[in-house]
Structure formats: C-alpha cells, structure tokens
Amino acid sequence: MEKLSKLPKIYLVVVFIILYAPIFYLIFYSFNSGGNMSNFESFTLEHYSAVFEDTRLIVILINTIVVALLSALVSTAIGVLGALSIVFMRNKAMRNAVLSLNNILIVSPDVIIGASFLILFTMIGVKLGFASVLISHIAFSIPIVVIMVLPKLQEMSPTLIDAALDLGASKRDVLTRVIIPFIKPGILAGFFLALTYSLDDFAVTFFVTGNGFSTLSVEIYSMARAGITLTINALSGLIFLVTVVLVLGYYAVSRKTKTPLSGVKK
C-alpha cells in the first residue's frame, strides 16, 4: 500500500520535470558567454543587456503589456456582466445553450479563431494592427472570465439578494455591495487568467497582427526563424519571470481578500 501511495507523487515529480526542465535549460544558457547552447563557458549578462538595448524589442514589449492590460480589463468587465446574465436567465434551456456556446469558444483551436478574425477584419475593412489584436484578445478572453466568475455566482445564496432587497437596497446597491464583493475572487482570477492568456498568445495574434505592430510571442517566433540566439533565451527567461510574478501576485491578492472573512467570529 505504501508503494501505491508513492506512485502519484512520483508521477507528479516526473510530469513537473518534463514540463520545467526545458524552461530552466533555456534560462540556464541565457547566462552563457559562449553564444551557444552546447557548451557553457562562463557567466554573463550580456544577452539580457542586449534585450534592453534593443529599442524595437522595448516597443514590442510595451505593445504586449498595453494589449494584455486593456484586453484583461475590458474582457473582465464584459465577462462579469455575461456571467450575471447567464445566472439570472429564467429560461433554463436558453441558459444551458449560452453556457455551451461559451465553453465551445474556450476549447476551439486558436488557429480557427485567428483565421476567423482575419476573415472578419478583412471583410469589414479593419486594418490589421493594434485595434485588430486588441479586439481579438478581448474576444477570446471573455469566455475565460465567464467560466471563472460563474462558480462564485452559483455558490452565492439567493437569500443574500432577497435580504438586501427587503432592507431597502436598490438593484444597483445589490450589485455593488452584495454580488460584486462576494464574487471578487472569481473576478480577480478571471482578470489574471485573461492577462496571462493575452501575454503569451501566439496563434490568434499571428493572424491578426500587421502594419508594423507586433507582440513578443510573434517577435520571438520571427527571431527563432532567423536563427536561434541566446537573446531569445534571455527574452524568454524574462517572460517566464513575469508570468511567475503574475501568478504569485494573484495568490497574494486572493489571500488578502480571504483574510477579512477569517477574522469574523461566529
């Protein structure tokens, strides 16, 4: 029995090694002065300095962050409203249909979504660039926010809303003082997940970018096609670090939102 209980732990360790070993291998050689990934000569930060000295890369980094933040904010607002609409739908068949359509968008291949947006923007005359990338990122982030907010809404007891209405609260007060505070962890989770998806998206962005506008994922792909350099390693290492910081930030914020509740005495 003890051997069987150790198998899941061993399996998890193997899975994490397979997932993280290539990333740490890439980051390790980003400090190599030798200029290749076959022989580590000595420690250096020249590849990281090359990243920050490249003004074009800095502009692309700013583009990526701006698109990610704007798309996460807009998609979170729309996603919260969408989740509220789904929960308060009286027609059960309609509610299930809308929820199914939302889930289909989550599991749909990015290539299909990107190609669809490319056709749409071409038909309606939208120039490929910042606007097309932003709209696309908002669109594929909304279903993610909806699916993160819905469980919190379903956990909420309807008696909370009834009690607030009985005490004279308006519908606006119910939304801002009862519903939003209760589902705040789901909103934060949806925002951070939408932000992460936008930062590392490649397939959809590759289809809808143009007119000199680019994001980090597309730029790294273009650099890799020209030939592997350790600058790519350094850039990828920085992106990985930012992702880790975002995840830690989410857990820190979610923990703070839970601490006030833990101090309430029954």
Protein backbone atom coordinates (compact mmCIF):
# COMPACT_ATOMS: atom_id res chain seq x y z
CA MET A 1 0.00 0.00 0.00
CA GLU A 2 2.85 2.39 0.81
CA LYS A 3 4.34 1.83 -2.65
CA LEU A 4 0.98 2.57 -4.27
CA SER A 5 0.62 5.79 -2.25
CA LYS A 6 4.02 6.97 -3.51
CA LEU A 7 3.15 6.42 -7.18
CA PRO A 8 1.04 9.62 -7.56
CA LYS A 9 3.86 11.68 -6.01
CA ILE A 10 6.46 10.10 -8.30
CA TYR A 11 4.17 10.70 -11.29
CA LEU A 12 3.77 14.39 -10.37
CA VAL A 13 7.52 14.81 -9.95
CA VAL A 14 8.15 13.26 -13.39
CA VAL A 15 5.48 15.46 -15.02
CA PHE A 16 6.91 18.65 -13.47
CA ILE A 17 10.44 17.70 -14.51
CA ILE A 18 9.29 17.15 -18.11
CA LEU A 19 7.45 20.49 -18.12
CA TYR A 20 10.02 22.67 -16.36
CA ALA A 21 13.36 21.11 -17.38
CA PRO A 22 13.34 22.67 -20.91
CA ILE A 23 12.45 26.08 -19.43
CA PHE A 24 15.27 26.01 -16.87
CA TYR A 25 17.66 24.65 -19.52
CA LEU A 26 16.79 27.62 -21.73
CA ILE A 27 17.20 30.11 -18.86
CA PHE A 28 20.49 28.49 -17.75
CA TYR A 29 22.10 29.04 -21.16
CA SER A 30 20.83 32.62 -21.33
CA PHE A 31 23.76 33.38 -18.98
CA ASN A 32 26.29 31.65 -21.24
CA SER A 33 29.03 33.84 -22.74
CA GLY A 34 29.80 31.18 -25.35
CA GLY A 35 26.90 32.15 -27.61
CA ASN A 36 25.53 28.61 -27.98
CA MET A 37 23.54 26.03 -26.03
CA SER A 38 26.00 23.16 -26.28
CA ASN A 39 28.86 24.32 -24.04
CA PHE A 40 28.62 26.66 -21.05
CA GLU A 41 31.78 28.78 -20.94
CA SER A 42 31.25 31.46 -18.30
CA PHE A 43 28.55 33.55 -16.62
CA THR A 44 27.44 36.75 -18.37
CA LEU A 45 24.51 39.17 -18.50
CA GLU A 46 25.31 40.46 -21.99
CA HIS A 47 22.29 38.72 -23.55
CA TYR A 48 19.97 40.42 -21.08
CA SER A 49 21.61 43.79 -21.70
CA ALA A 50 21.16 43.16 -25.45
CA VAL A 51 17.43 42.75 -24.86
CA PHE A 52 17.15 46.10 -23.05
CA GLU A 53 19.40 47.87 -25.55
CA ASP A 54 17.18 46.83 -28.46
CA THR A 55 14.69 49.72 -28.71
CA ARG A 56 12.48 47.74 -31.12
CA LEU A 57 12.10 44.95 -28.56
CA ILE A 58 11.26 47.50 -25.86
CA VAL A 59 8.50 48.96 -28.07
CA ILE A 60 7.15 45.45 -28.75
CA LEU A 61 7.25 44.70 -25.02
CA ILE A 62 5.23 47.86 -24.30
CA ASN A 63 2.77 46.88 -27.05
CA THR A 64 2.34 43.45 -25.48
CA ILE A 65 1.76 44.82 -21.97
CA VAL A 66 -0.69 47.50 -23.15
CA VAL A 67 -2.73 44.99 -25.17
CA ALA A 68 -2.73 42.49 -22.29
CA LEU A 69 -3.83 45.04 -19.68
CA LEU A 70 -6.53 46.63 -21.85
CA SER A 71 -7.90 43.28 -23.05
CA ALA A 72 -7.90 41.87 -19.50
CA LEU A 73 -9.74 44.92 -18.10
CA VAL A 74 -12.36 45.08 -20.86
CA SER A 75 -12.90 41.30 -21.02
CA THR A 76 -13.25 41.14 -17.22
CA ALA A 77 -15.95 43.82 -17.25
CA ILE A 78 -17.84 42.17 -20.12
CA GLY A 79 -17.27 38.67 -18.72
CA VAL A 80 -18.71 39.60 -15.31
CA LEU A 81 -21.82 41.05 -16.96
CA GLY A 82 -22.06 37.94 -19.14
CA ALA A 83 -21.81 35.60 -16.15
CA LEU A 84 -24.51 37.60 -14.33
CA SER A 85 -26.76 37.40 -17.38
CA ILE A 86 -26.29 33.63 -17.64
CA VAL A 87 -27.02 33.01 -13.93
CA PHE A 88 -30.14 35.17 -13.85
CA MET A 89 -31.65 33.78 -17.06
CA ARG A 90 -35.06 32.32 -16.27
CA ASN A 91 -35.18 30.07 -19.32
CA LYS A 92 -33.08 27.04 -18.35
CA ALA A 93 -32.74 25.81 -21.96
CA MET A 94 -31.50 29.22 -23.09
CA ARG A 95 -29.08 29.39 -20.14
CA ASN A 96 -27.59 25.99 -20.98
CA ALA A 97 -27.34 26.92 -24.66
CA VAL A 98 -25.46 30.17 -23.93
CA LEU A 99 -23.16 28.39 -21.47
CA SER A 100 -22.42 25.70 -24.06
CA LEU A 101 -21.57 28.34 -26.67
CA ASN A 102 -19.24 29.98 -24.16
CA ASN A 103 -17.48 26.67 -23.44
CA ILE A 104 -17.12 25.92 -27.17
CA LEU A 105 -15.15 29.15 -27.60
CA ILE A 106 -12.76 28.07 -24.83
CA VAL A 107 -11.96 24.69 -26.39
CA SER A 108 -11.92 25.90 -30.01
CA PRO A 109 -8.46 25.76 -31.64
CA ASP A 110 -6.67 29.11 -31.67
CA VAL A 111 -5.90 28.67 -35.36
CA ILE A 112 -9.62 28.62 -36.19
CA ILE A 113 -10.31 31.66 -34.00
CA GLY A 114 -7.39 33.57 -35.52
CA ALA A 115 -8.37 32.71 -39.10
CA SER A 116 -12.00 33.68 -38.37
CA PHE A 117 -10.96 37.08 -37.06
CA LEU A 118 -8.67 37.61 -40.04
CA ILE A 119 -11.56 36.94 -42.44
CA LEU A 120 -13.89 39.18 -40.40
CA PHE A 121 -11.47 42.12 -40.26
CA THR A 122 -10.76 41.79 -43.99
CA MET A 123 -14.49 41.80 -44.79
CA ILE A 124 -15.36 44.85 -42.68
CA GLY A 125 -12.23 46.77 -43.63
CA VAL A 126 -10.45 46.88 -40.26
CA LYS A 127 -6.70 47.43 -40.71
CA LEU A 128 -4.54 44.80 -39.09
CA GLY A 129 -2.60 46.27 -36.19
CA PHE A 130 -3.20 47.40 -32.63
CA ALA A 131 -7.01 47.56 -32.91
CA SER A 132 -7.38 44.13 -34.52
CA VAL A 133 -5.09 42.49 -31.95
CA LEU A 134 -6.87 44.18 -29.03
CA ILE A 135 -10.35 43.20 -30.26
CA SER A 136 -9.24 39.60 -30.81
CA HIS A 137 -7.68 39.34 -27.35
CA ILE A 138 -10.80 40.76 -25.72
CA ALA A 139 -12.96 38.29 -27.62
CA PHE A 140 -11.07 35.12 -26.64
CA SER A 141 -10.63 36.34 -23.04
CA ILE A 142 -14.33 36.92 -22.32
CA PRO A 143 -15.29 33.20 -22.17
CA ILE A 144 -12.37 32.60 -19.77
CA VAL A 145 -13.63 35.31 -17.39
CA VAL A 146 -17.19 33.98 -17.60
CA ILE A 147 -16.11 30.46 -16.68
CA MET A 148 -14.08 31.79 -13.70
CA VAL A 149 -16.87 34.00 -12.34
CA LEU A 150 -19.78 31.57 -12.77
CA PRO A 151 -18.81 29.16 -9.93
CA LYS A 152 -18.71 32.04 -7.41
CA LEU A 153 -22.12 33.26 -8.58
CA GLN A 154 -23.52 29.75 -8.25
CA GLU A 155 -22.12 29.49 -4.71
CA MET A 156 -23.93 32.65 -3.65
CA SER A 157 -27.21 32.04 -1.83
CA PRO A 158 -30.25 33.83 -3.35
CA THR A 159 -31.30 34.74 0.21
CA LEU A 160 -28.47 37.30 0.31
CA ILE A 161 -30.08 39.22 -2.54
CA ASP A 162 -33.58 38.80 -1.06
CA ALA A 163 -32.38 40.08 2.32
CA ALA A 164 -30.74 43.12 0.73
CA LEU A 165 -33.92 43.95 -1.22
CA ASP A 166 -36.06 43.53 1.90
CA LEU A 167 -33.81 46.00 3.70
CA GLY A 168 -34.50 48.59 1.02
CA ALA A 169 -31.42 48.21 -1.19
CA SER A 170 -31.76 49.22 -4.81
CA LYS A 171 -30.72 46.91 -7.64
CA ARG A 172 -27.54 48.96 -8.04
CA ASP A 173 -26.75 48.54 -4.33
CA VAL A 174 -27.35 44.80 -4.57
CA LEU A 175 -24.90 44.58 -7.46
CA THR A 176 -22.16 46.80 -5.99
CA ARG A 177 -22.47 45.91 -2.28
CA VAL A 178 -23.61 42.28 -2.31
CA ILE A 179 -22.86 40.49 -5.58
CA ILE A 180 -19.54 42.10 -6.61
CA PRO A 181 -17.86 41.70 -3.17
CA PHE A 182 -18.97 38.07 -2.99
CA ILE A 183 -17.64 37.15 -6.46
CA LYS A 184 -14.47 39.28 -6.15
CA PRO A 185 -12.12 36.23 -6.00
CA GLY A 186 -13.63 34.95 -9.26
CA ILE A 187 -13.25 38.37 -10.87
CA LEU A 188 -9.59 38.56 -9.86
CA ALA A 189 -8.97 35.01 -11.09
CA GLY A 190 -10.60 35.84 -14.43
CA PHE A 191 -8.58 39.06 -14.78
CA PHE A 192 -5.21 37.42 -14.08
CA LEU A 193 -6.02 34.46 -16.32
CA ALA A 194 -7.10 36.76 -19.16
CA LEU A 195 -3.92 38.81 -18.65
CA THR A 196 -1.75 35.68 -18.83
CA TYR A 197 -3.51 34.32 -21.89
CA SER A 198 -3.08 37.64 -23.69
CA LEU A 199 0.61 37.92 -22.79
CA ASP A 200 1.57 34.52 -24.20
CA ASP A 201 -0.92 34.20 -27.07
CA PHE A 202 0.69 33.48 -30.43
CA ALA A 203 -1.71 31.73 -32.80
CA VAL A 204 -4.52 34.30 -32.80
CA THR A 205 -2.12 37.27 -32.73
CA PHE A 206 -0.12 35.86 -35.64
CA PHE A 207 -3.22 36.01 -37.86
CA VAL A 208 -4.44 39.49 -36.91
CA THR A 209 -1.22 41.49 -36.49
CA GLY A 210 0.16 43.74 -39.21
CA ASN A 211 1.19 47.27 -40.28
CA GLY A 212 4.38 47.13 -38.21
CA PHE A 213 2.57 46.20 -34.99
CA SER A 214 3.84 43.10 -33.19
CA THR A 215 3.80 41.35 -29.82
CA LEU A 216 6.51 39.42 -28.01
CA SER A 217 5.22 35.98 -28.94
CA VAL A 218 5.16 36.83 -32.66
CA GLU A 219 8.55 38.57 -32.44
CA ILE A 220 10.17 35.58 -30.70
CA TYR A 221 8.82 33.33 -33.44
CA SER A 222 10.27 35.63 -36.12
CA MET A 223 13.64 35.75 -34.33
CA ALA A 224 13.72 31.95 -33.97
CA ARG A 225 13.10 31.52 -37.71
CA ALA A 226 16.12 33.70 -38.43
CA GLY A 227 18.30 31.52 -36.19
CA ILE A 228 18.49 30.63 -32.52
CA THR A 229 20.39 33.21 -30.47
CA LEU A 230 20.81 33.45 -26.72
CA THR A 231 18.98 36.78 -26.84
CA ILE A 232 15.83 34.70 -27.36
CA ASN A 233 16.76 32.70 -24.27
CA ALA A 234 17.14 35.89 -22.24
CA LEU A 235 13.86 37.31 -23.53
CA SER A 236 12.04 34.03 -22.83
CA GLY A 237 13.53 33.94 -19.33
CA LEU A 238 12.22 37.43 -18.63
CA ILE A 239 8.74 36.46 -19.86
CA PHE A 240 8.79 33.38 -17.62
CA LEU A 241 9.79 35.57 -14.66
CA VAL A 242 6.92 38.00 -15.35
CA THR A 243 4.48 35.07 -15.53
CA VAL A 244 5.69 33.75 -12.18
CA VAL A 245 5.29 37.23 -10.65
CA LEU A 246 1.73 37.44 -12.01
CA VAL A 247 0.82 34.06 -10.51
CA LEU A 248 2.33 35.00 -7.14
CA GLY A 249 0.54 38.36 -7.31
CA TYR A 250 -2.77 36.61 -7.91
CA TYR A 251 -2.28 34.33 -4.91
CA ALA A 252 -1.23 37.28 -2.73
CA VAL A 253 -4.31 39.30 -3.72
CA SER A 254 -6.67 36.33 -3.32
CA ARG A 255 -5.22 35.61 0.12
CA LYS A 256 -5.80 39.23 1.19
CA THR A 257 -9.42 39.02 0.06
CA LYS A 258 -9.92 35.96 2.27
CA THR A 259 -8.23 37.27 5.43
CA PRO A 260 -11.03 39.69 6.44
CA LEU A 261 -13.52 36.81 6.39
CA SER A 262 -11.26 34.64 8.53
CA GLY A 263 -11.35 37.19 11.32
CA VAL A 264 -15.16 37.18 11.58
CA LYS A 265 -16.36 35.39 14.71
CA LYS A 266 -19.40 33.16 14.55
